[in-house]
Amino acid sequence: MASNSNTGSGAGGGEQSAVQMLNVVRVIPPNDDPKWPLWRYVQKVAKTGGGQGGNEKIICRLCNRDISGSYSRVKSHLLKLGGCGVKPCPKVTIDVLIQLKGEQDRADASSNMPNNIPLPTDGNGSTRKRKASAIEECFDVDSRSKLDALIARMFYTAGLPFNLARNPWFRQAFMFAANGKLAGYVPPSYNKIRTSLLVQEKTHVERMLQPIKSTWSSKGVSIVSDGWSDPQRRPLLNFMAVTEDGPMFLRAVNTVGDTKSKEYIFEKLVETIDFIGAENVVQVVTDNASNCRGAGLMVEQKYPHIFWTPCVVHTLNLALKSIFAARNEEDPEYEHCNWISEVSSDTQQIRNFIMNHSMRLSMFNDVEVDGREAPHVDEELSIERNKCFRRMFADGPELHKIKQQFGNFSLFAAAFSSFDSIEDRTYLEPKIWWGIHGNSAPELQKLALKLLGQPSSSSCAERNWSTYGLIHSTARNRLNPGRAEDLVYVHQNLRLISRRSAEYSKGPTRFWDIGGDTHDIFGGGADFLQQAVLSLDEPELEALLDDLEAFENEAN
């Protein structure tokens, strides 16, 4: 009989407790079949049908519940699967479910594996085959199966990730070849893919990015820059254009032989600003290093309406580094202040985890902080805002007009005094509110819509190095910087374009660039992923998906 002891998962012994529990209730039947391991956790009482087949009357050894049916109902009961009209076992916790599911998966894998694996052939052997049916001949099932096997073999031999099968362009390529008249077609050669086709694709991506670039004048652009060294220790300078649509990779400058002085960085920033259009640029975001700071101040002198913003993350790092940290244990302040160093170390690990995992960063950014003062009440914000107005608008009627409009907005005056305008400030996102209620102050509305879509850190540029490292890895360290830059440009911006399409969140190609083999468990409940700015630096995602699967099964 089932044990009635508590089967809940502990902080560290949940797995061990689940194994012990299953060892207690497991009974190996005389006619045990390895293909059906879950029979060991139920007791067959009697048959409810005649003949050799039929259903069984069964008692679960874990919860003592009666079940009538076949193995599929036992499986549905113990693994908490739906669709068989049987209630899930209440004694199966997440840890127990993992153990049971593992047994069933191993049984399925062993039952599908032939005892003797033949060497691959081209199908010209002397083994006699059954005659294909009319339907099989009509759809050429043998050829389809052979093509499936060849594609799978390509994955296995090249070590390709399985989520490549969800890549929309991978699927489009084979569908186009299958539906077109391409008899005798041969795939492009090694040199063609790395040269002419890469240049052609970069040109194609540039054309596809034009709709996003056309919004720069209304939405504004932040130029984000950061430095990195490739696997051959060549220094690179990264430039990205960031809007509310996402980060767009622009270029990576090879700085070998050049001193990254403030003048050099300023020169490269000016080139990027001119490429985007100075009238479209709102700010330049870099880290807080002295050369970057100097270059940012030079940009502000050349373009008074463009602001240099030090990366918030880097600034906080510098501000909080070694606060009250004693240098050694002999320091008299060590006993009193050492705890600050420990807390700082823990906080830094949490910060690194959030900033290096885009999905977590998106969740963190969604957290709202209550109790903030209105901007026109805060003295420091008011002083800085007035400085910005003077930099962005010439003295005279334009400056007076923007100040009047902001005063009406702050004091709920003029058109901002309506009931809907005041009520919607509580419920609507700021950009949505300005889109609905800002038409009475067009200059202030245009400025607000530009500023509200800008980032405050260079994290997107730092995460882009993860993409660069994926492409220009130690295994591909002979790529020259120019070709690696083209590959990153195509890779990063095609993902940006793909995520703007409806197919990204549905169908066989949904979330194709996330990774993980068990994404289908989300069903219709993956809406939160649409809000996440996911990137390739998500190695823990598969574990997260497994945890969510177990959680959903337990909830059922």
Protein backbone atom coordinates (compact mmCIF):
# COMPACT_ATOMS: atom_id res chain seq x y z
CA MET A 1 0.00 0.00 0.00
CA ALA A 2 1.07 3.60 -0.56
CA SER A 3 2.96 5.41 2.12
CA ASN A 4 1.12 8.36 3.66
CA SER A 5 4.28 10.24 4.56
CA ASN A 6 4.77 13.81 3.37
CA THR A 7 6.13 13.81 -0.18
CA GLY A 8 6.70 17.52 -0.59
CA SER A 9 9.98 18.68 -2.06
CA GLY A 10 12.49 19.97 0.44
CA ALA A 11 15.05 22.65 -0.16
CA GLY A 12 17.81 20.16 -0.89
CA GLY A 13 16.42 16.64 -0.40
CA GLY A 14 13.39 16.70 -2.71
CA GLU A 15 14.94 14.41 -5.30
CA GLN A 16 16.26 11.96 -2.70
CA SER A 17 12.89 11.91 -0.94
CA ALA A 18 11.12 11.18 -4.23
CA VAL A 19 13.46 8.27 -5.01
CA GLN A 20 12.96 6.80 -1.55
CA MET A 21 9.19 7.11 -1.84
CA LEU A 22 9.09 5.35 -5.22
CA ASN A 23 11.39 2.59 -3.96
CA VAL A 24 8.89 1.90 -1.15
CA VAL A 25 5.79 1.61 -3.34
CA ARG A 26 7.38 -0.01 -6.41
CA VAL A 27 6.38 -3.67 -6.97
CA ILE A 28 7.79 -5.57 -9.96
CA PRO A 29 4.97 -7.76 -11.43
CA PRO A 30 5.78 -11.32 -12.60
CA ASN A 31 5.12 -10.44 -16.24
CA ASP A 32 6.98 -7.10 -16.05
CA ASP A 33 7.61 -5.46 -19.44
CA PRO A 34 10.34 -2.75 -19.55
CA LYS A 35 8.27 -0.89 -22.16
CA TRP A 36 5.55 -0.16 -19.54
CA PRO A 37 7.40 0.80 -16.33
CA LEU A 38 4.44 2.56 -14.68
CA TRP A 39 2.60 -0.76 -14.11
CA ARG A 40 5.02 -1.16 -11.19
CA TYR A 41 3.30 1.63 -9.27
CA VAL A 42 -0.26 0.31 -9.51
CA GLN A 43 -2.00 -2.91 -8.43
CA LYS A 44 -4.11 -4.82 -10.97
CA VAL A 45 -7.27 -6.05 -9.26
CA ALA A 46 -9.34 -7.61 -12.02
CA LYS A 47 -10.10 -7.46 -15.72
CA THR A 48 -13.20 -5.55 -16.76
CA GLY A 49 -13.29 -6.92 -20.32
CA GLY A 50 -13.24 -10.37 -21.86
CA GLY A 51 -10.49 -12.08 -23.83
CA GLN A 52 -6.79 -11.46 -23.68
CA GLY A 53 -7.19 -7.70 -24.02
CA GLY A 54 -9.67 -5.43 -22.29
CA ASN A 55 -9.38 -2.92 -19.51
CA GLU A 56 -8.19 -3.48 -15.97
CA LYS A 57 -9.49 -2.43 -12.59
CA ILE A 58 -6.46 -0.81 -10.99
CA ILE A 59 -5.51 0.72 -7.63
CA CYS A 60 -2.77 3.35 -7.51
CA ARG A 61 -0.11 2.37 -4.94
CA LEU A 62 0.63 6.06 -4.25
CA CYS A 63 -2.83 7.49 -3.55
CA ASN A 64 -5.00 4.31 -3.28
CA ARG A 65 -7.38 5.66 -5.92
CA ASP A 66 -9.34 3.25 -8.14
CA ILE A 67 -8.73 3.49 -11.88
CA SER A 68 -10.48 1.60 -14.66
CA GLY A 69 -8.73 1.39 -17.99
CA SER A 70 -5.53 0.56 -19.78
CA TYR A 71 -1.90 1.65 -19.49
CA SER A 72 -2.67 4.99 -21.12
CA ARG A 73 -4.94 5.93 -18.19
CA VAL A 74 -2.29 4.82 -15.67
CA LYS A 75 0.20 7.00 -17.52
CA SER A 76 -2.22 9.94 -17.53
CA HIS A 77 -2.86 9.50 -13.78
CA LEU A 78 0.78 9.26 -12.67
CA LEU A 79 2.31 11.76 -15.13
CA LYS A 80 -0.59 14.21 -14.71
CA LEU A 81 -1.46 14.27 -18.38
CA GLY A 82 -4.83 15.47 -19.57
CA GLY A 83 -7.22 14.06 -22.13
CA CYS A 84 -7.91 10.59 -20.72
CA GLY A 85 -10.68 11.48 -18.26
CA VAL A 86 -8.70 10.47 -15.19
CA LYS A 87 -7.71 12.66 -12.25
CA PRO A 88 -3.99 13.24 -11.62
CA CYS A 89 -2.39 11.55 -8.63
CA PRO A 90 -2.28 14.02 -5.71
CA LYS A 91 0.80 12.30 -4.23
CA VAL A 92 2.97 13.02 -7.28
CA THR A 93 5.01 16.13 -6.51
CA ILE A 94 7.38 17.83 -8.95
CA ASP A 95 10.32 15.67 -7.80
CA VAL A 96 8.28 12.47 -8.03
CA LEU A 97 7.00 13.53 -11.46
CA ILE A 98 10.56 14.04 -12.70
CA GLN A 99 11.53 10.53 -11.58
CA LEU A 100 8.45 8.90 -13.15
CA LYS A 101 8.79 10.85 -16.37
CA GLY A 102 12.45 9.87 -16.59
CA GLU A 103 11.55 6.17 -16.29
CA GLN A 104 8.92 6.48 -19.02
CA ASP A 105 11.25 8.45 -21.33
CA ARG A 106 14.00 5.84 -20.94
CA ALA A 107 11.50 3.08 -21.68
CA ASP A 108 10.27 4.89 -24.80
CA ALA A 109 13.82 5.45 -26.01
CA SER A 110 14.84 1.81 -25.52
CA SER A 111 11.69 0.46 -27.20
CA ASN A 112 12.33 2.60 -30.28
CA MET A 113 15.97 1.52 -30.58
CA PRO A 114 16.65 -1.52 -32.79
CA ASN A 115 18.75 -4.33 -31.38
CA ASN A 116 21.08 -4.30 -34.36
CA ILE A 117 21.86 -0.97 -36.05
CA PRO A 118 22.72 -1.53 -39.72
CA LEU A 119 25.29 0.49 -41.58
CA PRO A 120 23.74 3.32 -43.65
CA THR A 121 23.06 2.38 -47.24
CA ASP A 122 21.76 4.10 -50.34
CA GLY A 123 18.80 1.78 -50.53
CA ASN A 124 20.30 -0.49 -53.22
CA GLY A 125 20.66 -3.59 -51.01
CA SER A 126 19.15 -6.95 -51.85
CA THR A 127 16.67 -6.92 -48.93
CA ARG A 128 13.16 -7.37 -50.26
CA LYS A 129 10.71 -4.59 -49.40
CA ARG A 130 6.98 -4.67 -49.28
CA LYS A 131 5.15 -3.04 -52.14
CA ALA A 132 4.25 0.60 -51.46
CA SER A 133 0.59 1.49 -51.27
CA ALA A 134 -1.05 3.85 -53.76
CA ILE A 135 -1.04 6.69 -51.22
CA GLU A 136 2.64 6.13 -50.42
CA GLU A 137 3.51 6.16 -54.12
CA CYS A 138 1.43 9.30 -54.65
CA PHE A 139 3.27 11.22 -51.90
CA ASP A 140 6.62 9.49 -52.56
CA VAL A 141 6.92 8.54 -48.89
CA ASP A 142 10.26 6.76 -49.35
CA SER A 143 11.93 9.85 -50.82
CA ARG A 144 10.53 12.03 -48.07
CA SER A 145 11.85 9.66 -45.41
CA LYS A 146 15.28 9.59 -47.04
CA LEU A 147 15.39 13.41 -47.15
CA ASP A 148 14.41 13.55 -43.47
CA ALA A 149 17.24 11.16 -42.65
CA LEU A 150 19.78 13.23 -44.63
CA ILE A 151 18.72 16.45 -42.90
CA ALA A 152 18.95 14.76 -39.49
CA ARG A 153 22.40 13.41 -40.39
CA MET A 154 23.52 16.94 -41.26
CA PHE A 155 22.44 18.09 -37.76
CA TYR A 156 24.22 15.22 -36.02
CA THR A 157 27.52 15.41 -37.91
CA ALA A 158 27.83 19.21 -37.75
CA GLY A 159 26.75 19.45 -34.10
CA LEU A 160 23.95 21.86 -34.99
CA PRO A 161 21.45 22.86 -32.26
CA PHE A 162 18.05 21.20 -32.62
CA ASN A 163 16.21 24.53 -32.52
CA LEU A 164 17.69 25.25 -35.97
CA ALA A 165 14.77 23.12 -37.24
CA ARG A 166 12.49 25.98 -36.15
CA ASN A 167 14.50 28.58 -38.05
CA PRO A 168 12.07 30.12 -40.57
CA TRP A 169 14.70 30.44 -43.31
CA PHE A 170 15.80 26.82 -42.86
CA ARG A 171 12.22 25.73 -43.44
CA GLN A 172 11.68 28.15 -46.32
CA ALA A 173 14.79 26.87 -48.12
CA PHE A 174 13.61 23.24 -48.23
CA MET A 175 10.01 24.18 -49.00
CA PHE A 176 11.15 26.37 -51.90
CA ALA A 177 13.39 23.59 -53.25
CA ALA A 178 10.61 20.99 -52.88
CA ASN A 179 7.97 23.10 -54.61
CA GLY A 180 10.19 24.48 -57.39
CA LYS A 181 11.46 22.97 -60.61
CA LEU A 182 15.09 22.70 -59.56
CA ALA A 183 16.20 19.37 -61.03
CA GLY A 184 19.96 19.05 -60.75
CA TYR A 185 20.28 21.86 -58.21
CA VAL A 186 23.52 21.86 -56.20
CA PRO A 187 23.84 23.86 -52.92
CA PRO A 188 26.19 26.86 -52.95
CA SER A 189 29.87 26.22 -52.37
CA TYR A 190 31.94 27.10 -49.33
CA ASN A 191 33.47 30.16 -50.98
CA LYS A 192 30.16 31.42 -52.40
CA ILE A 193 28.47 31.36 -48.99
CA ARG A 194 31.28 33.26 -47.29
CA THR A 195 31.77 35.89 -50.02
CA SER A 196 29.22 36.90 -52.66
CA LEU A 197 26.14 35.48 -50.90
CA LEU A 198 27.11 37.18 -47.62
CA VAL A 199 27.45 40.54 -49.37
CA GLN A 200 24.13 39.94 -51.15
CA GLU A 201 22.38 39.08 -47.87
CA LYS A 202 23.78 42.15 -46.10
CA THR A 203 22.36 44.33 -48.88
CA HIS A 204 19.03 42.53 -48.57
CA VAL A 205 18.95 43.09 -44.79
CA GLU A 206 19.70 46.79 -45.27
CA ARG A 207 16.64 47.07 -47.52
CA MET A 208 14.50 45.21 -44.97
CA LEU A 209 15.62 47.63 -42.23
CA GLN A 210 14.41 50.69 -44.11
CA PRO A 211 10.89 50.65 -42.53
CA ILE A 212 12.52 50.77 -39.06
CA LYS A 213 14.92 53.52 -40.11
CA SER A 214 12.01 55.57 -41.46
CA THR A 215 10.69 55.90 -37.87
CA TRP A 216 13.91 57.37 -36.50
CA SER A 217 12.77 60.96 -37.09
CA SER A 218 9.63 60.50 -34.96
CA LYS A 219 10.84 57.99 -32.35
CA GLY A 220 14.40 59.19 -31.90
CA VAL A 221 17.58 57.10 -31.71
CA SER A 222 20.15 56.38 -29.01
CA ILE A 223 23.65 55.48 -30.16
CA VAL A 224 25.11 52.86 -27.82
CA SER A 225 28.80 52.01 -27.95
CA ASP A 226 31.05 49.57 -26.11
CA GLY A 227 34.48 47.97 -26.58
CA TRP A 228 35.52 44.32 -26.81
CA SER A 229 38.39 42.06 -27.89
CA ASP A 230 37.88 39.12 -30.27
CA PRO A 231 39.46 35.64 -29.80
CA GLN A 232 42.68 36.91 -31.43
CA ARG A 233 42.81 39.79 -28.94
CA ARG A 234 42.01 42.40 -31.60
CA PRO A 235 40.22 45.40 -30.02
CA LEU A 236 36.83 46.25 -31.51
CA LEU A 237 34.45 49.15 -31.00
CA ASN A 238 30.76 48.35 -31.25
CA PHE A 239 28.02 50.79 -32.39
CA MET A 240 24.28 50.12 -32.16
CA ALA A 241 21.20 52.22 -32.89
CA VAL A 242 18.55 51.64 -30.21
CA THR A 243 14.88 52.57 -30.48
CA GLU A 244 11.74 51.18 -28.90
CA ASP A 245 11.73 48.59 -31.71
CA GLY A 246 14.96 47.08 -30.40
CA PRO A 247 18.73 47.37 -30.85
CA MET A 248 19.96 47.54 -34.46
CA PHE A 249 23.59 46.60 -35.07
CA LEU A 250 25.38 49.24 -37.15
CA ARG A 251 29.06 48.36 -37.24
CA ALA A 252 32.10 47.12 -35.32
CA VAL A 253 35.29 49.11 -35.88
CA ASN A 254 38.63 47.29 -35.78
CA THR A 255 40.87 49.55 -33.68
CA VAL A 256 44.14 47.59 -34.07
CA GLY A 257 47.03 50.06 -34.16
CA ASP A 258 44.89 52.97 -33.00
CA THR A 259 44.88 54.54 -29.56
CA LYS A 260 41.35 54.72 -28.21
CA SER A 261 41.69 58.30 -27.05
CA LYS A 262 38.73 60.61 -26.58
CA GLU A 263 39.50 62.21 -29.95
CA TYR A 264 39.46 58.84 -31.72
CA ILE A 265 36.18 57.72 -30.09
CA PHE A 266 34.68 61.16 -30.81
CA GLU A 267 35.60 60.81 -34.48
CA LYS A 268 33.87 57.41 -34.73
CA LEU A 269 30.81 58.70 -32.86
CA VAL A 270 30.52 61.64 -35.26
CA GLU A 271 30.67 59.26 -38.23
CA THR A 272 27.82 57.23 -36.70
CA ILE A 273 25.78 60.35 -35.90
CA ASP A 274 26.16 61.60 -39.48
CA PHE A 275 25.10 58.19 -40.80
CA ILE A 276 21.91 58.20 -38.70
CA GLY A 277 21.26 61.91 -39.05
CA ALA A 278 22.09 64.33 -36.25
CA GLU A 279 18.48 65.51 -36.11
CA ASN A 280 17.35 61.94 -35.26
CA VAL A 281 19.83 61.28 -32.43
CA VAL A 282 18.68 61.92 -28.87
CA GLN A 283 21.67 60.67 -26.87
CA VAL A 284 24.95 58.77 -26.96
CA VAL A 285 25.38 56.07 -24.30
CA THR A 286 28.83 54.76 -23.36
CA ASP A 287 30.52 53.53 -20.22
CA ASN A 288 32.02 56.00 -17.73
CA ALA A 289 35.69 55.59 -18.66
CA SER A 290 37.61 58.85 -18.94
CA ASN A 291 38.15 58.58 -22.71
CA CYS A 292 34.45 57.79 -23.31
CA ARG A 293 33.42 60.63 -21.02
CA GLY A 294 35.69 63.04 -22.88
CA ALA A 295 34.32 61.90 -26.24
CA GLY A 296 30.75 62.31 -24.96
CA LEU A 297 31.39 65.87 -23.81
CA MET A 298 32.93 66.68 -27.20
CA VAL A 299 29.76 65.34 -28.86
CA GLU A 300 27.64 67.62 -26.67
CA GLN A 301 29.77 70.61 -27.72
CA LYS A 302 29.41 69.81 -31.42
CA TYR A 303 25.70 68.90 -31.23
CA PRO A 304 24.02 70.88 -28.39
CA HIS A 305 20.75 68.92 -28.73
CA ILE A 306 22.49 65.50 -28.32
CA PHE A 307 23.18 64.35 -24.76
CA TRP A 308 25.95 62.07 -23.56
CA THR A 309 24.59 59.57 -21.03
CA PRO A 310 26.98 57.43 -18.99
CA CYS A 311 25.77 53.84 -18.67
CA VAL A 312 23.70 53.65 -15.49
CA VAL A 313 24.98 50.16 -14.67
CA HIS A 314 28.63 51.18 -15.04
CA THR A 315 28.06 54.38 -13.06
CA LEU A 316 26.49 52.50 -10.15
CA ASN A 317 29.38 50.05 -10.25
CA LEU A 318 31.89 52.86 -9.83
CA ALA A 319 29.81 54.63 -7.17
CA LEU A 320 29.35 51.54 -5.01
CA LYS A 321 32.76 49.94 -5.55
CA SER A 322 34.60 49.21 -2.29
CA ILE A 323 32.37 51.44 -0.14
CA PHE A 324 33.70 51.09 3.43
CA ALA A 325 35.54 47.92 2.36
CA ALA A 326 38.41 47.25 4.77
CA ARG A 327 41.66 46.36 3.01
CA ASN A 328 42.58 43.47 5.31
CA GLU A 329 41.54 41.73 8.49
CA GLU A 330 44.02 43.78 10.54
CA ASP A 331 42.18 46.99 9.70
CA PRO A 332 40.34 48.17 12.87
CA GLU A 333 37.23 48.86 10.78
CA TYR A 334 37.18 45.33 9.33
CA GLU A 335 34.87 43.88 11.97
CA HIS A 336 32.34 46.70 11.53
CA CYS A 337 32.40 47.10 7.74
CA ASN A 338 33.21 43.67 6.33
CA TRP A 339 29.51 42.83 5.99
CA ILE A 340 29.17 45.60 3.38
CA SER A 341 31.72 43.85 1.16
CA GLU A 342 29.82 40.58 1.48
CA VAL A 343 26.49 42.21 0.63
CA SER A 344 28.12 44.06 -2.29
CA SER A 345 29.53 40.79 -3.65
CA ASP A 346 26.14 39.08 -3.44
CA THR A 347 24.43 42.05 -5.06
CA GLN A 348 26.95 42.09 -7.90
CA GLN A 349 26.25 38.44 -8.67
CA ILE A 350 22.51 39.12 -8.78
CA ARG A 351 23.09 42.18 -10.98
CA ASN A 352 25.30 40.22 -13.39
CA PHE A 353 22.69 37.47 -13.63
CA ILE A 354 19.90 39.94 -14.45
CA MET A 355 21.91 42.03 -16.91
CA ASN A 356 23.30 38.99 -18.75
CA HIS A 357 19.89 37.34 -19.20
CA SER A 358 17.58 39.47 -21.26
CA MET A 359 14.34 37.79 -20.20
CA ARG A 360 15.10 38.44 -16.51
CA LEU A 361 16.14 42.02 -17.34
CA SER A 362 12.80 42.61 -19.06
CA MET A 363 10.94 41.27 -16.00
CA PHE A 364 13.09 43.49 -13.74
CA ASN A 365 12.33 46.56 -15.87
CA ASP A 366 8.59 45.93 -15.52
CA VAL A 367 8.71 46.39 -11.73
CA GLU A 368 7.09 49.66 -10.72
CA VAL A 369 8.31 51.77 -7.82
CA ASP A 370 5.63 53.61 -5.81
CA GLY A 371 6.03 56.82 -3.83
CA ARG A 372 7.98 58.83 -6.43
CA GLU A 373 7.60 62.60 -6.52
CA ALA A 374 6.18 64.34 -9.56
CA PRO A 375 8.97 65.68 -11.84
CA HIS A 376 7.95 69.33 -11.40
CA VAL A 377 8.14 68.97 -7.58
CA ASP A 378 11.68 67.54 -7.53
CA GLU A 379 14.13 70.47 -7.41
CA GLU A 380 17.06 68.70 -9.08
CA LEU A 381 14.91 67.33 -11.90
CA SER A 382 13.39 70.76 -12.48
CA ILE A 383 16.82 72.39 -12.77
CA GLU A 384 18.10 69.74 -15.20
CA ARG A 385 14.88 69.85 -17.24
CA ASN A 386 15.18 73.59 -17.73
CA LYS A 387 18.80 73.14 -18.85
CA CYS A 388 17.62 70.60 -21.43
CA PHE A 389 14.94 72.95 -22.71
CA ARG A 390 17.53 75.69 -23.21
CA ARG A 391 19.84 73.32 -25.09
CA MET A 392 17.16 71.85 -27.35
CA PHE A 393 15.20 75.03 -28.13
CA ALA A 394 16.55 78.39 -29.19
CA ASP A 395 15.87 81.41 -27.01
CA GLY A 396 12.70 83.20 -27.92
CA PRO A 397 9.22 82.01 -28.89
CA GLU A 398 10.16 78.30 -29.20
CA LEU A 399 11.58 78.14 -25.68
CA HIS A 400 8.66 80.09 -24.20
CA LYS A 401 6.19 77.84 -26.00
CA ILE A 402 7.69 74.58 -24.74
CA LYS A 403 7.85 75.94 -21.18
CA GLN A 404 4.19 77.00 -21.36
CA GLN A 405 3.18 73.55 -22.61
CA PHE A 406 5.12 71.81 -19.84
CA GLY A 407 3.57 74.10 -17.26
CA ASN A 408 0.08 73.19 -18.48
CA PHE A 409 1.01 69.49 -18.32
CA SER A 410 2.45 69.72 -14.79
CA LEU A 411 -0.39 71.79 -13.35
CA PHE A 412 -3.26 69.94 -15.10
CA ALA A 413 -4.13 73.16 -16.93
CA ALA A 414 -5.69 73.95 -20.32
CA ALA A 415 -6.36 70.78 -22.34
CA PHE A 416 -4.64 68.66 -19.67
CA SER A 417 -7.38 69.46 -17.14
CA SER A 418 -9.99 67.12 -18.65
CA PHE A 419 -11.24 64.20 -16.57
CA ASP A 420 -10.05 61.59 -19.07
CA SER A 421 -6.59 63.13 -19.29
CA ILE A 422 -6.14 63.09 -15.51
CA GLU A 423 -7.64 59.63 -14.99
CA ASP A 424 -5.59 58.03 -17.80
CA ARG A 425 -2.33 59.16 -16.19
CA THR A 426 -2.86 56.40 -13.64
CA TYR A 427 -3.76 53.58 -16.02
CA LEU A 428 -1.96 54.15 -19.31
CA GLU A 429 1.68 53.74 -20.24
CA PRO A 430 3.35 57.16 -20.63
CA LYS A 431 3.88 56.82 -24.40
CA ILE A 432 0.27 55.73 -24.93
CA TRP A 433 -0.94 58.65 -22.79
CA TRP A 434 1.04 61.18 -24.83
CA GLY A 435 -0.25 59.63 -28.04
CA ILE A 436 -3.85 60.13 -26.88
CA HIS A 437 -3.77 63.37 -24.87
CA GLY A 438 -0.68 65.22 -26.09
CA ASN A 439 -2.07 66.75 -29.30
CA SER A 440 -2.79 70.07 -27.56
CA ALA A 441 0.97 70.47 -26.97
CA PRO A 442 2.53 69.15 -30.21
CA GLU A 443 6.11 70.27 -29.51
CA LEU A 444 6.11 68.74 -26.02
CA GLN A 445 4.36 65.63 -27.34
CA LYS A 446 7.03 65.12 -30.01
CA LEU A 447 9.78 65.53 -27.41
CA ALA A 448 8.09 63.13 -24.95
CA LEU A 449 7.57 60.42 -27.57
CA LYS A 450 11.26 60.60 -28.46
CA LEU A 451 12.60 60.56 -24.91
CA LEU A 452 10.36 57.82 -23.51
CA GLY A 453 11.75 55.20 -25.90
CA GLN A 454 15.44 55.69 -25.08
CA PRO A 455 17.64 53.28 -23.01
CA SER A 456 19.65 54.28 -19.97
CA SER A 457 22.49 51.76 -20.21
CA SER A 458 24.79 50.16 -22.77
CA SER A 459 23.68 46.63 -21.83
CA CYS A 460 22.36 45.89 -25.32
CA ALA A 461 25.81 46.61 -26.76
CA GLU A 462 27.46 44.38 -24.16
CA ARG A 463 24.98 41.57 -24.86
CA ASN A 464 25.72 41.96 -28.57
CA TRP A 465 29.23 40.73 -27.81
CA SER A 466 27.62 37.41 -26.86
CA THR A 467 26.35 37.21 -30.44
CA TYR A 468 29.76 38.26 -31.75
CA GLY A 469 31.43 35.62 -29.56
CA LEU A 470 29.03 32.99 -30.90
CA ILE A 471 29.97 33.82 -34.48
CA HIS A 472 33.64 34.66 -33.98
CA SER A 473 34.46 31.89 -31.51
CA THR A 474 37.72 30.08 -30.82
CA ALA A 475 36.62 27.49 -33.38
CA ARG A 476 36.23 30.22 -36.02
CA ASN A 477 39.02 32.52 -34.95
CA ARG A 478 40.43 32.80 -38.47
CA LEU A 479 37.52 34.98 -39.57
CA ASN A 480 38.79 38.41 -40.49
CA PRO A 481 37.08 41.28 -38.62
CA GLY A 482 35.31 42.54 -41.76
CA ARG A 483 33.61 39.22 -42.50
CA ALA A 484 32.80 38.69 -38.84
CA GLU A 485 31.21 42.15 -38.74
CA ASP A 486 29.06 41.30 -41.78
CA LEU A 487 27.96 38.04 -40.14
CA VAL A 488 27.01 39.82 -36.90
CA TYR A 489 25.18 42.52 -38.88
CA VAL A 490 23.12 39.96 -40.79
CA HIS A 491 22.53 37.72 -37.76
CA GLN A 492 21.52 40.43 -35.26
CA ASN A 493 19.32 42.42 -37.62
CA LEU A 494 17.55 39.42 -39.15
CA ARG A 495 16.52 38.43 -35.64
CA LEU A 496 15.25 41.98 -35.02
CA ILE A 497 13.19 41.80 -38.23
CA SER A 498 11.92 38.30 -37.46
CA ARG A 499 10.66 39.29 -34.01
CA ARG A 500 8.51 42.01 -35.55
CA SER A 501 6.61 39.43 -37.63
CA ALA A 502 3.43 37.61 -36.58
CA GLU A 503 5.01 34.20 -37.33
CA TYR A 504 7.55 34.66 -34.54
CA SER A 505 4.99 33.97 -31.82
CA LYS A 506 2.99 31.20 -33.51
CA GLY A 507 3.34 28.24 -35.79
CA PRO A 508 6.30 25.86 -36.26
CA THR A 509 8.87 28.71 -36.23
CA ARG A 510 7.78 30.44 -33.03
CA PHE A 511 10.58 31.55 -30.71
CA TRP A 512 13.03 29.99 -33.16
CA ASP A 513 16.06 31.86 -31.77
CA ILE A 514 15.45 31.05 -28.09
CA GLY A 515 16.62 27.44 -27.90
CA GLY A 516 15.28 24.56 -25.86
CA ASP A 517 13.65 21.35 -27.04
CA THR A 518 10.44 21.54 -24.99
CA HIS A 519 9.05 24.96 -25.96
CA ASP A 520 5.72 23.39 -27.00
CA ILE A 521 4.68 22.95 -23.35
CA PHE A 522 3.75 26.64 -23.25
CA GLY A 523 0.74 26.06 -25.49
CA GLY A 524 -1.19 29.31 -25.32
CA GLY A 525 0.51 30.50 -22.15
CA ALA A 526 3.73 31.90 -23.58
CA ASP A 527 2.53 35.48 -23.82
CA PHE A 528 5.11 36.65 -21.31
CA LEU A 529 7.89 35.70 -23.71
CA GLN A 530 6.61 38.31 -26.16
CA GLN A 531 7.57 40.97 -23.61
CA ALA A 532 11.07 39.58 -23.11
CA VAL A 533 14.02 40.87 -25.10
CA LEU A 534 15.58 37.44 -25.42
CA SER A 535 18.99 36.83 -26.91
CA LEU A 536 21.37 33.95 -27.43
CA ASP A 537 22.78 34.30 -23.92
CA GLU A 538 20.02 32.13 -22.37
CA PRO A 539 21.72 28.82 -21.53
CA GLU A 540 19.38 28.21 -18.58
CA LEU A 541 16.22 28.52 -20.68
CA GLU A 542 15.83 24.78 -21.25
CA ALA A 543 15.94 24.17 -17.49
CA LEU A 544 13.35 26.91 -17.04
CA LEU A 545 11.08 25.24 -19.58
CA ASP A 546 11.42 21.91 -17.77
CA ASP A 547 10.50 23.58 -14.47
CA LEU A 548 7.45 25.21 -16.04
CA GLU A 549 6.35 21.88 -17.50
CA ALA A 550 6.51 20.21 -14.10
CA PHE A 551 4.72 23.16 -12.50
CA GLU A 552 1.88 23.03 -15.04
CA ASN A 553 1.52 19.27 -14.60
CA GLU A 554 1.29 19.67 -10.83
CA ALA A 555 -1.31 22.46 -11.22
CA ASN A 556 -3.49 20.13 -13.28
